[in-house]
Every structure is written in structure tokens, then in C-alpha cells.
Amino acid sequence: MRKIMFLLITTVLFCGWGVNASVASVTPLYETVTVESNDTLWSIAASRTDDSKDIREVIYDIQQLNGIKDPGQIQPGDKIKVRSSVI
């Protein structure tokens, strides 16, 4: 009986660690970017992506992360978050 309990507890612990590790690995990381003069969301996204991604999706993601309703309203000195996986 003790062996069965030991195996059960060991299995539960190992499964818990596996779930924890996978959750931690998909947590997105962000970089803070300071908007420079003449920057647009398009130029910021273009400098942080390659041809494998649709730049419109990257721009949309930046807007959602930062609550930007009107992309034309970003100003020099504004700080915006960009996903590190995009960079």
C-alpha cells in the first residue's frame, strides 16, 4: 500500500512540474520602445518583424497591448510595449 501511495504522489508531483514548466515557457515577454520622431506603428512593427509574419498582425498586436485606438496619435516620447517574440 505504501508503494502505491508513493508512486501516486510521485506521479502527481512530476505531472505538476511538467504543467508548470510549459506554462512558464509560453508567457510572452515584452520590450518597452520609446517612440522617436517620425515613427509610426508601421515603422516600429517593420523594424521588429521579418517576412514570415504579416505586419498588419504585428501592428494590431501592438495596438491591443497598448490600448491604442488611433495609430496616428502616437507621439515622440511615448513608451509602448512590443512582444519580444516579435523582435
C-alpha atoms as a PDB file:
ATOM      1  CA  MET A   1       0.000   0.000   0.000  1.00  0.00           C
ATOM      2  CA  ARG A   2       2.840   2.394   0.809  1.00  0.00           C
ATOM      3  CA  LYS A   3       4.441   1.721  -2.579  1.00  0.00           C
ATOM      4  CA  ILE A   4       1.221   2.590  -4.363  1.00  0.00           C
ATOM      5  CA  MET A   5       0.831   5.829  -2.383  1.00  0.00           C
ATOM      6  CA  PHE A   6       4.469   6.719  -3.055  1.00  0.00           C
ATOM      7  CA  LEU A   7       4.031   6.112  -6.792  1.00  0.00           C
ATOM      8  CA  LEU A   8       0.809   8.114  -6.872  1.00  0.00           C
ATOM      9  CA  ILE A   9       2.334  11.093  -5.057  1.00  0.00           C
ATOM     10  CA  THR A  10       5.487  10.963  -7.199  1.00  0.00           C
ATOM     11  CA  THR A  11       3.426  10.864 -10.395  1.00  0.00           C
ATOM     12  CA  VAL A  12       1.292  13.822  -9.309  1.00  0.00           C
ATOM     13  CA  LEU A  13       4.382  15.861  -8.418  1.00  0.00           C
ATOM     14  CA  PHE A  14       6.101  15.158 -11.725  1.00  0.00           C
ATOM     15  CA  CYS A  15       2.959  15.965 -13.695  1.00  0.00           C
ATOM     16  CA  GLY A  16       2.575  19.231 -11.796  1.00  0.00           C
ATOM     17  CA  TRP A  17       6.127  20.277 -12.618  1.00  0.00           C
ATOM     18  CA  GLY A  18       5.595  19.485 -16.283  1.00  0.00           C
ATOM     19  CA  VAL A  19       2.500  21.678 -16.426  1.00  0.00           C
ATOM     20  CA  ASN A  20       4.271  24.482 -14.602  1.00  0.00           C
ATOM     21  CA  ALA A  21       7.229  24.387 -16.989  1.00  0.00           C
ATOM     22  CA  SER A  22       5.028  24.532 -20.077  1.00  0.00           C
ATOM     23  CA  VAL A  23       3.004  27.472 -18.758  1.00  0.00           C
ATOM     24  CA  ALA A  24       6.144  29.439 -17.962  1.00  0.00           C
ATOM     25  CA  SER A  25       7.579  28.868 -21.430  1.00  0.00           C
ATOM     26  CA  VAL A  26       4.594  30.403 -23.253  1.00  0.00           C
ATOM     27  CA  THR A  27       4.413  33.552 -21.136  1.00  0.00           C
ATOM     28  CA  PRO A  28       5.029  36.408 -23.556  1.00  0.00           C
ATOM     29  CA  LEU A  29       7.774  38.862 -22.729  1.00  0.00           C
ATOM     30  CA  TYR A  30       7.675  42.496 -23.688  1.00  0.00           C
ATOM     31  CA  GLU A  31      10.131  45.203 -24.602  1.00  0.00           C
ATOM     32  CA  THR A  32       9.363  48.847 -23.999  1.00  0.00           C
ATOM     33  CA  VAL A  33      10.026  51.002 -27.046  1.00  0.00           C
ATOM     34  CA  THR A  34      10.229  54.794 -26.938  1.00  0.00           C
ATOM     35  CA  VAL A  35       8.581  56.382 -29.960  1.00  0.00           C
ATOM     36  CA  GLU A  36      11.060  58.521 -31.884  1.00  0.00           C
ATOM     37  CA  SER A  37      10.359  61.457 -34.190  1.00  0.00           C
ATOM     38  CA  ASN A  38       8.723  60.284 -37.455  1.00  0.00           C
ATOM     39  CA  ASP A  39       7.986  56.807 -36.037  1.00  0.00           C
ATOM     40  CA  THR A  40       4.704  55.151 -36.978  1.00  0.00           C
ATOM     41  CA  LEU A  41       3.272  51.875 -35.758  1.00  0.00           C
ATOM     42  CA  TRP A  42       4.063  50.532 -39.213  1.00  0.00           C
ATOM     43  CA  SER A  43       7.748  51.510 -38.972  1.00  0.00           C
ATOM     44  CA  ILE A  44       8.050  50.192 -35.407  1.00  0.00           C
ATOM     45  CA  ALA A  45       6.448  46.880 -36.386  1.00  0.00           C
ATOM     46  CA  ALA A  46       8.507  46.635 -39.595  1.00  0.00           C
ATOM     47  CA  SER A  47      11.763  47.032 -37.690  1.00  0.00           C
ATOM     48  CA  ARG A  48      10.781  44.190 -35.347  1.00  0.00           C
ATOM     49  CA  THR A  49       9.494  41.524 -37.686  1.00  0.00           C
ATOM     50  CA  ASP A  50      10.538  39.577 -40.745  1.00  0.00           C
ATOM     51  CA  ASP A  51       8.789  38.341 -43.876  1.00  0.00           C
ATOM     52  CA  SER A  52       7.391  35.288 -42.056  1.00  0.00           C
ATOM     53  CA  LYS A  53       4.760  37.434 -40.281  1.00  0.00           C
ATOM     54  CA  ASP A  54       2.040  39.671 -41.624  1.00  0.00           C
ATOM     55  CA  ILE A  55       2.999  43.175 -40.498  1.00  0.00           C
ATOM     56  CA  ARG A  56      -0.684  44.074 -40.100  1.00  0.00           C
ATOM     57  CA  GLU A  57      -0.997  41.393 -37.400  1.00  0.00           C
ATOM     58  CA  VAL A  58       2.069  42.790 -35.611  1.00  0.00           C
ATOM     59  CA  ILE A  59       0.589  46.313 -35.730  1.00  0.00           C
ATOM     60  CA  TYR A  60      -2.741  45.008 -34.418  1.00  0.00           C
ATOM     61  CA  ASP A  61      -0.908  43.205 -31.607  1.00  0.00           C
ATOM     62  CA  ILE A  62       0.954  46.401 -30.631  1.00  0.00           C
ATOM     63  CA  GLN A  63      -2.333  48.331 -30.636  1.00  0.00           C
ATOM     64  CA  GLN A  64      -4.012  45.737 -28.415  1.00  0.00           C
ATOM     65  CA  LEU A  65      -1.088  45.578 -25.964  1.00  0.00           C
ATOM     66  CA  ASN A  66      -1.072  49.339 -25.535  1.00  0.00           C
ATOM     67  CA  GLY A  67      -4.749  50.245 -25.919  1.00  0.00           C
ATOM     68  CA  ILE A  68      -4.010  52.381 -28.976  1.00  0.00           C
ATOM     69  CA  LYS A  69      -7.278  53.303 -30.687  1.00  0.00           C
ATOM     70  CA  ASP A  70      -5.850  55.711 -33.279  1.00  0.00           C
ATOM     71  CA  PRO A  71      -2.365  54.723 -34.500  1.00  0.00           C
ATOM     72  CA  GLY A  72      -1.851  58.227 -35.875  1.00  0.00           C
ATOM     73  CA  GLN A  73      -1.882  59.648 -32.376  1.00  0.00           C
ATOM     74  CA  ILE A  74       1.408  58.181 -31.112  1.00  0.00           C
ATOM     75  CA  GLN A  75       3.852  60.930 -30.234  1.00  0.00           C
ATOM     76  CA  PRO A  76       7.640  61.100 -29.840  1.00  0.00           C
ATOM     77  CA  GLY A  77       8.496  60.155 -26.269  1.00  0.00           C
ATOM     78  CA  ASP A  78       5.532  57.776 -25.892  1.00  0.00           C
ATOM     79  CA  LYS A  79       6.521  54.402 -24.474  1.00  0.00           C
ATOM     80  CA  ILE A  80       4.834  51.354 -25.975  1.00  0.00           C
ATOM     81  CA  LYS A  81       5.130  47.628 -25.317  1.00  0.00           C
ATOM     82  CA  VAL A  82       6.129  45.240 -28.099  1.00  0.00           C
ATOM     83  CA  ARG A  83       6.209  41.472 -27.739  1.00  0.00           C
ATOM     84  CA  SER A  84       9.754  40.161 -27.525  1.00  0.00           C
ATOM     85  CA  SER A  85       8.796  37.242 -29.754  1.00  0.00           C
ATOM     86  CA  VAL A  86       8.165  39.814 -32.497  1.00  0.00           C
ATOM     87  CA  ILE A  87      11.631  41.267 -32.101  1.00  0.00           C
END
